[in-house]
Amino acid sequence: MTFPLNPDLHCHSTTSDGTLTPEELAARAKANGVDLWALTDHDEVGGQQRAMDAARGLGLRYLTGVEISVTFADSTVHVVGLGFDHTDPRMMEGLADTRDGRGPRAVEMGAQLAKVGIPGAYEGALKYVGNPRLISRTHFARFLVESGVCRDTAEVFRKYLTEGKPGFVPHRWARLGDAVSWITDSGGVAVIAHPARYNFSATLEYALFSEFRQHGGQAVEVVTGNHSAAEVLRYADLAREFDLAASRGSDFHSPDESHIDLGKLAPLPAGLTPVWSLLTERIH
């Protein structure tokens, strides 16, 4: 097997909050020169077999993937799993438990938005949901843009869907240790997703990395669609400090919404251990 040159190990399909099907994503990844791909839907592995089959049909190497929502220090962080057994019963049960709170949370989000003059947001968001069990803030954002309340999804999040704003409803997700163990016990590697997005203090960020490592986490996303050049260098340094492998993924959701397209990322900085080097036997 030749070493991959253009991996993209973070993206989302209609199985969670993306706008393209697993098959459409596979075709887009192949067309954009991706040579190792992973579909990482939120708290859901229902699209994995479709993604794997589509990748195989295109001659595209594939790693199973998922992005698990975790509550850490009263904040939501995300842990990507790569190369695990997507039929593992404990993984599937844990993800089902994590998903269960999304429905009631979404109803409350709709009620809060109605109080500030935006009626019908819950029903409107449902129109954008491929999987109703996975209704999320992104689906609300799409409705608010399409209905003219905001110019784009970034404005929606800024005005309505972040902590302290009218449509924000917190939720208790999986525990960090549980998420890491679901991934590692089913043969995969756990990865801290887009760490710059959490806006943690240096102290809290250090605590996240330390606890993640203690639970058996092995990697961090260094190059992602959410990271600036300076942040790439910062997380490269943290990867070295905590002896973590480095991952690379666009976090692609939609051709119209995402910061960067599948396969269009910068390379990893030199001197890092690529996460895919830990998973050569798990590549399909």
Protein backbone atom coordinates (compact mmCIF):
# COMPACT_ATOMS: atom_id res chain seq x y z
CA MET A 1 0.00 0.00 0.00
CA THR A 2 1.39 3.41 -0.97
CA PHE A 3 1.37 6.10 1.72
CA PRO A 4 -1.64 8.45 1.28
CA LEU A 5 -0.79 12.00 0.19
CA ASN A 6 -4.21 13.66 0.46
CA PRO A 7 -6.28 12.16 3.30
CA ASP A 8 -9.52 13.85 4.37
CA LEU A 9 -10.73 12.27 7.60
CA HIS A 10 -13.60 14.50 8.74
CA CYS A 11 -16.85 15.24 6.89
CA HIS A 12 -20.62 14.86 7.27
CA SER A 13 -23.43 13.42 5.18
CA THR A 14 -27.22 13.59 5.24
CA THR A 15 -27.04 10.85 7.88
CA SER A 16 -26.27 13.67 10.34
CA ASP A 17 -26.08 17.36 9.35
CA GLY A 18 -24.47 17.37 5.91
CA THR A 19 -26.32 18.10 2.68
CA LEU A 20 -24.78 15.36 0.49
CA THR A 21 -25.35 11.61 0.71
CA PRO A 22 -22.48 9.25 1.55
CA GLU A 23 -22.30 8.30 -2.12
CA GLU A 24 -22.15 11.94 -3.25
CA LEU A 25 -19.41 12.66 -0.72
CA ALA A 26 -17.38 9.68 -1.92
CA ALA A 27 -17.62 10.91 -5.50
CA ARG A 28 -16.66 14.46 -4.47
CA ALA A 29 -13.70 13.21 -2.46
CA LYS A 30 -12.46 11.11 -5.39
CA ALA A 31 -12.91 13.99 -7.85
CA ASN A 32 -10.95 16.32 -5.54
CA GLY A 33 -7.98 13.99 -5.32
CA VAL A 34 -8.60 12.52 -1.87
CA ASP A 35 -6.77 9.19 -1.56
CA LEU A 36 -7.91 8.21 1.96
CA TRP A 37 -11.37 9.22 3.17
CA ALA A 38 -13.53 8.91 6.28
CA LEU A 39 -17.17 9.85 6.79
CA THR A 40 -17.57 11.10 10.38
CA ASP A 41 -21.24 11.80 11.00
CA HIS A 42 -22.31 13.16 14.38
CA ASP A 43 -23.07 10.41 16.92
CA GLU A 44 -24.15 8.05 14.15
CA VAL A 45 -22.62 5.22 12.14
CA GLY A 46 -25.66 4.52 9.97
CA GLY A 47 -23.94 5.81 6.83
CA GLN A 48 -20.74 3.81 7.25
CA GLN A 49 -21.56 0.80 5.07
CA ARG A 50 -22.86 3.03 2.27
CA ALA A 51 -19.72 5.17 2.45
CA MET A 52 -17.47 2.12 2.48
CA ASP A 53 -19.27 0.54 -0.48
CA ALA A 54 -19.19 3.79 -2.47
CA ALA A 55 -15.48 4.29 -1.77
CA ARG A 56 -14.71 0.71 -2.80
CA GLY A 57 -16.58 1.21 -6.06
CA LEU A 58 -14.45 4.28 -6.82
CA GLY A 59 -11.14 2.73 -5.83
CA LEU A 60 -10.92 5.15 -2.88
CA ARG A 61 -9.33 3.93 0.35
CA TYR A 62 -11.59 4.28 3.37
CA LEU A 63 -11.48 4.43 7.17
CA THR A 64 -14.63 4.13 9.27
CA GLY A 65 -15.43 7.32 11.16
CA VAL A 66 -17.70 9.05 13.64
CA GLU A 67 -17.74 12.37 15.52
CA ILE A 68 -18.94 11.93 19.11
CA SER A 69 -20.39 14.83 21.11
CA VAL A 70 -18.80 15.07 24.56
CA THR A 71 -19.48 17.28 27.57
CA PHE A 72 -16.20 18.49 29.08
CA ALA A 73 -16.01 21.23 31.74
CA ASP A 74 -19.65 22.18 30.98
CA SER A 75 -18.75 22.72 27.31
CA THR A 76 -19.34 20.62 24.21
CA VAL A 77 -16.27 19.18 22.55
CA HIS A 78 -16.06 16.62 19.77
CA VAL A 79 -14.02 13.44 19.52
CA VAL A 80 -13.55 11.81 16.13
CA GLY A 81 -13.17 8.05 15.96
CA LEU A 82 -11.30 6.46 13.04
CA GLY A 83 -10.77 2.88 11.97
CA PHE A 84 -13.12 1.19 14.48
CA ASP A 85 -15.59 -1.65 14.01
CA HIS A 86 -18.77 0.24 13.11
CA THR A 87 -20.92 -2.77 14.08
CA ASP A 88 -19.53 -2.96 17.63
CA PRO A 89 -22.55 -3.30 19.99
CA ARG A 90 -21.12 -1.13 22.78
CA MET A 91 -20.27 1.65 20.34
CA MET A 92 -23.76 1.53 18.82
CA GLU A 93 -25.45 1.54 22.23
CA GLY A 94 -23.35 4.47 23.44
CA LEU A 95 -24.10 6.51 20.34
CA ALA A 96 -27.83 5.78 20.66
CA ASP A 97 -27.78 7.05 24.24
CA THR A 98 -25.94 10.18 23.12
CA ARG A 99 -28.48 10.87 20.38
CA ASP A 100 -31.52 10.50 22.62
CA GLY A 101 -31.35 14.04 24.00
CA ARG A 102 -31.37 15.80 20.63
CA GLY A 103 -35.13 15.67 20.06
CA PRO A 104 -36.28 17.30 23.33
CA ARG A 105 -33.42 19.81 23.04
CA ALA A 106 -34.59 20.80 19.54
CA VAL A 107 -38.18 21.32 20.71
CA GLU A 108 -36.93 23.65 23.46
CA MET A 109 -34.76 25.53 20.95
CA GLY A 110 -37.83 26.12 18.81
CA ALA A 111 -39.81 27.36 21.80
CA GLN A 112 -37.07 29.81 22.76
CA LEU A 113 -36.81 31.18 19.24
CA ALA A 114 -40.60 31.64 19.14
CA LYS A 115 -40.33 33.84 22.24
CA VAL A 116 -38.07 36.26 20.34
CA GLY A 117 -40.35 36.47 17.31
CA ILE A 118 -39.24 33.50 15.19
CA PRO A 119 -42.19 31.07 15.13
CA GLY A 120 -42.10 27.65 13.51
CA ALA A 121 -38.34 27.18 13.80
CA TYR A 122 -38.55 23.59 15.04
CA GLU A 123 -40.90 22.56 12.23
CA GLY A 124 -38.78 24.50 9.75
CA ALA A 125 -35.57 22.81 10.92
CA LEU A 126 -37.17 19.39 10.48
CA LYS A 127 -37.42 20.04 6.72
CA TYR A 128 -33.62 20.00 6.54
CA VAL A 129 -33.11 16.85 8.59
CA GLY A 130 -32.16 13.64 6.82
CA ASN A 131 -32.28 11.76 10.13
CA PRO A 132 -34.79 13.25 12.65
CA ARG A 133 -32.93 11.63 15.56
CA LEU A 134 -29.97 13.85 14.71
CA ILE A 135 -31.66 17.25 14.48
CA SER A 136 -29.06 19.86 15.39
CA ARG A 137 -28.30 23.57 15.53
CA THR A 138 -27.11 23.39 11.91
CA HIS A 139 -30.62 22.45 10.75
CA PHE A 140 -32.07 25.42 12.64
CA ALA A 141 -29.43 27.64 11.07
CA ARG A 142 -30.37 26.53 7.56
CA PHE A 143 -34.02 27.32 8.24
CA LEU A 144 -33.22 30.78 9.60
CA VAL A 145 -31.12 31.57 6.52
CA GLU A 146 -33.71 30.28 4.05
CA SER A 147 -36.47 32.22 5.82
CA GLY A 148 -34.46 35.46 5.64
CA VAL A 149 -33.87 35.94 9.37
CA CYS A 150 -30.08 35.92 8.84
CA ARG A 151 -27.72 36.27 5.88
CA ASP A 152 -25.76 33.08 6.51
CA THR A 153 -25.31 30.31 9.04
CA ALA A 154 -22.42 32.11 10.74
CA GLU A 155 -24.76 35.01 11.58
CA VAL A 156 -27.38 32.58 12.91
CA PHE A 157 -24.92 31.01 15.33
CA ARG A 158 -23.59 34.40 16.41
CA LYS A 159 -27.03 35.87 17.12
CA TYR A 160 -29.13 32.92 18.21
CA LEU A 161 -27.45 29.56 18.76
CA THR A 162 -24.42 30.08 21.01
CA GLU A 163 -24.37 30.22 24.79
CA GLY A 164 -26.26 33.23 26.14
CA LYS A 165 -28.32 33.69 22.95
CA PRO A 166 -32.08 33.06 22.66
CA GLY A 167 -31.96 29.73 20.80
CA PHE A 168 -29.16 28.07 22.75
CA VAL A 169 -30.12 25.04 24.84
CA PRO A 170 -27.32 23.11 26.56
CA HIS A 171 -27.22 19.34 26.51
CA ARG A 172 -25.29 16.74 28.44
CA TRP A 173 -23.47 14.58 25.94
CA ALA A 174 -21.21 11.55 26.42
CA ARG A 175 -18.38 11.62 28.95
CA LEU A 176 -14.90 12.02 27.49
CA GLY A 177 -13.66 8.71 28.88
CA ASP A 178 -16.68 6.82 27.56
CA ALA A 179 -16.34 8.25 24.05
CA VAL A 180 -12.64 7.40 23.90
CA SER A 181 -13.24 3.86 25.17
CA TRP A 182 -16.05 3.19 22.66
CA ILE A 183 -13.60 4.02 19.90
CA THR A 184 -10.49 2.31 21.20
CA ASP A 185 -12.27 -0.81 22.46
CA SER A 186 -13.71 -1.34 18.97
CA GLY A 187 -10.25 -1.17 17.39
CA GLY A 188 -10.06 2.50 16.43
CA VAL A 189 -8.12 5.65 17.26
CA ALA A 190 -9.70 8.59 19.13
CA VAL A 191 -8.93 12.11 17.87
CA ILE A 192 -9.66 15.52 19.44
CA ALA A 193 -11.61 17.33 16.72
CA HIS A 194 -10.90 20.97 15.68
CA PRO A 195 -9.55 22.04 19.12
CA ALA A 196 -9.33 25.76 18.28
CA ARG A 197 -13.12 25.94 17.99
CA TYR A 198 -13.64 25.55 21.72
CA ASN A 199 -12.00 28.86 22.68
CA PHE A 200 -10.66 27.31 25.87
CA SER A 201 -8.19 29.07 28.11
CA ALA A 202 -4.68 27.62 28.01
CA THR A 203 -5.33 25.96 31.37
CA LEU A 204 -8.59 24.32 30.30
CA GLU A 205 -7.15 23.25 26.98
CA TYR A 206 -4.21 21.63 28.76
CA ALA A 207 -6.69 19.82 31.02
CA LEU A 208 -8.60 18.53 27.98
CA PHE A 209 -5.47 17.20 26.32
CA SER A 210 -4.20 15.67 29.57
CA GLU A 211 -7.46 13.86 30.37
CA PHE A 212 -7.90 12.76 26.76
CA ARG A 213 -4.42 11.22 26.81
CA GLN A 214 -5.07 9.53 30.16
CA HIS A 215 -8.19 7.86 28.75
CA GLY A 216 -6.23 6.45 25.81
CA GLY A 217 -6.77 9.12 23.15
CA GLN A 218 -4.05 9.01 20.52
CA ALA A 219 -4.47 11.91 18.08
CA VAL A 220 -5.57 15.50 17.48
CA GLU A 221 -6.81 17.29 14.37
CA VAL A 222 -4.02 19.67 13.43
CA VAL A 223 -5.11 20.65 9.92
CA THR A 224 -8.84 21.27 9.57
CA GLY A 225 -11.17 23.69 7.82
CA ASN A 226 -11.60 25.60 11.08
CA HIS A 227 -7.91 26.24 11.83
CA SER A 228 -5.86 29.25 10.79
CA ALA A 229 -2.20 28.84 9.83
CA ALA A 230 -1.17 29.99 13.31
CA GLU A 231 -3.55 27.49 14.93
CA VAL A 232 -2.12 24.68 12.79
CA LEU A 233 1.33 25.45 14.22
CA ARG A 234 -0.05 25.67 17.76
CA TYR A 235 -1.72 22.28 17.62
CA ALA A 236 1.27 20.74 15.90
CA ASP A 237 3.27 21.81 18.96
CA LEU A 238 0.64 20.38 21.32
CA ALA A 239 0.61 17.11 19.37
CA ARG A 240 4.35 16.83 19.94
CA GLU A 241 4.08 17.82 23.61
CA PHE A 242 1.40 15.22 24.35
CA ASP A 243 2.85 12.57 22.03
CA LEU A 244 -0.29 12.56 19.88
CA ALA A 245 -0.57 11.64 16.23
CA ALA A 246 -1.88 14.33 13.87
CA SER A 247 -5.06 14.15 11.81
CA ARG A 248 -6.25 16.13 8.79
CA GLY A 249 -9.89 16.71 7.86
CA SER A 250 -11.95 19.43 6.21
CA ASP A 251 -15.09 19.10 8.41
CA PHE A 252 -17.00 19.45 5.14
CA HIS A 253 -20.80 19.71 5.47
CA SER A 254 -22.06 21.36 2.31
CA PRO A 255 -20.79 22.97 -0.91
CA ASP A 256 -22.60 26.18 0.12
CA GLU A 257 -21.63 26.36 3.79
CA SER A 258 -18.23 24.86 4.44
CA HIS A 259 -15.01 26.85 4.89
CA ILE A 260 -13.06 24.45 2.70
CA ASP A 261 -13.90 21.68 0.26
CA LEU A 262 -13.08 18.01 0.61
CA GLY A 263 -9.45 17.35 -0.24
CA LYS A 264 -8.38 21.02 -0.38
CA LEU A 265 -6.49 21.20 2.92
CA ALA A 266 -2.90 22.18 3.50
CA PRO A 267 -0.49 19.32 4.31
CA LEU A 268 0.41 18.39 7.86
CA PRO A 269 3.44 20.23 9.27
CA ALA A 270 6.68 18.28 9.19
CA GLY A 271 7.79 16.16 12.10
CA LEU A 272 4.36 14.83 13.11
CA THR A 273 3.10 11.24 13.18
CA PRO A 274 0.13 11.03 10.76
CA VAL A 275 -2.84 9.32 12.39
CA TRP A 276 -3.32 7.11 9.34
CA SER A 277 0.08 5.53 10.01
CA LEU A 278 -1.50 4.01 13.14
CA LEU A 279 -4.37 2.55 11.13
CA THR A 280 -2.84 0.90 8.08
CA GLU A 281 -4.45 -2.44 8.93
CA ARG A 282 -7.89 -0.81 9.31
CA ILE A 283 -7.98 0.82 5.86
CA HIS A 284 -10.59 -0.66 3.51
